[in-house]
């Protein structure tokens, strides 16, 4: 037979191509294997288990929320209870109960001082609203914009309606009874959980760490770091709010603003809220200063609160918090917004310590992963 020409049905393989085809495969070649039935079933079961876990977590979300609140309160109380226990030879349970009594007395005193004075302030503001409007119109610039946009008539009308709105709030009290009982039940639950966590928290942590085996030292260090960060932030935030309350009380007393102490408590409460709390409290107090030597008292208050905020940001907070918190500003803003969306004011309060705790855990994970990868690359780099 006549041999077929080269290229008629393809090239005739030469010896070099045959040798290359029969050569052993590169050991670094990645081959994609078909997953086994056992692997597929395992993935399906994991997905189903995660779905069931998320569903159950959603159903008991109230319990989880109460547990988280109790945990943060316990972390905030542990340093104070430890400090008292080191100085006074009293059972730990008695110290915790004494702290509860002190907090209850503080809440009652604040409510007794703030609520009546706030109601009186609202009635006085409604009664003197026309006079405040006349004082505002004495300024030429404000009078120009008032003639154009009719600002003061709207303010006077809204101010005179405040007592009526306050009276209407007493109407739905009968509907709030069930919610009040529910709140009392949740409060008792939080206090009981916090009591047990502060009293036996170290035993619970020790029991959990004993189940981690070789990683006990690592997890113990993480728990200590997270505990320190959350406790310093919580106690620091309370101290800063107390300082803001005292400073506001002193300044408003000097300016002659009525109900200076109650307004100081308002500023201290709002100062607990990150980012926007101090501004909201300052606006409330600025409205209260309108009727006292306007506009001098209002200008003095605005200048004071601006200077105080700078003093808080650059002097008080670094000293109180120490180096426990180094949360990125963008992460802080996003955490506060997410916390406020999920849990309201409570979510905004615990957003920053939660972000700090997550940051500590992620930093530990990243450092261990990095050291592990460097240990694997070290022999290859040292070889010629």
Foldseek 3Di string as FASTA:
>chain_A
DDDDDAPPPHHDDDPVVVVVVPDDDDPPDDDDDDDDPVVVVVVVVVVVVVVVVVVVCVVCVVVVVLLVLLVLVLLQCQVVLVVVVVVDVDASLVSLVVVVVVVVVVVVVLCVQQVVVVLVLLVVCLVCLVVLLVVQCVDPVSVVVCVVPVPSVVVNVVSVCVVVVVVVVVVCPVVCVVVVVVVVVSVVVSSVSNSCCSNCVVVVLVVVLVVPPPCSVVVVVLVVLLSLQSNLLVVLLLVLLVVQLVVQLVLCVVLVQPSSNNLSNQCSVLSLQPDCSNVVSLVVVLVSCSVRPPPVSSVVSVVVSVVVVVCCVPPSVCVRSPPSADDDPVQLVVQLVVLCVVPNRVRRNCSRSVRSSVVSVVVSVVVVVVVVVCVVCVVVVPDD
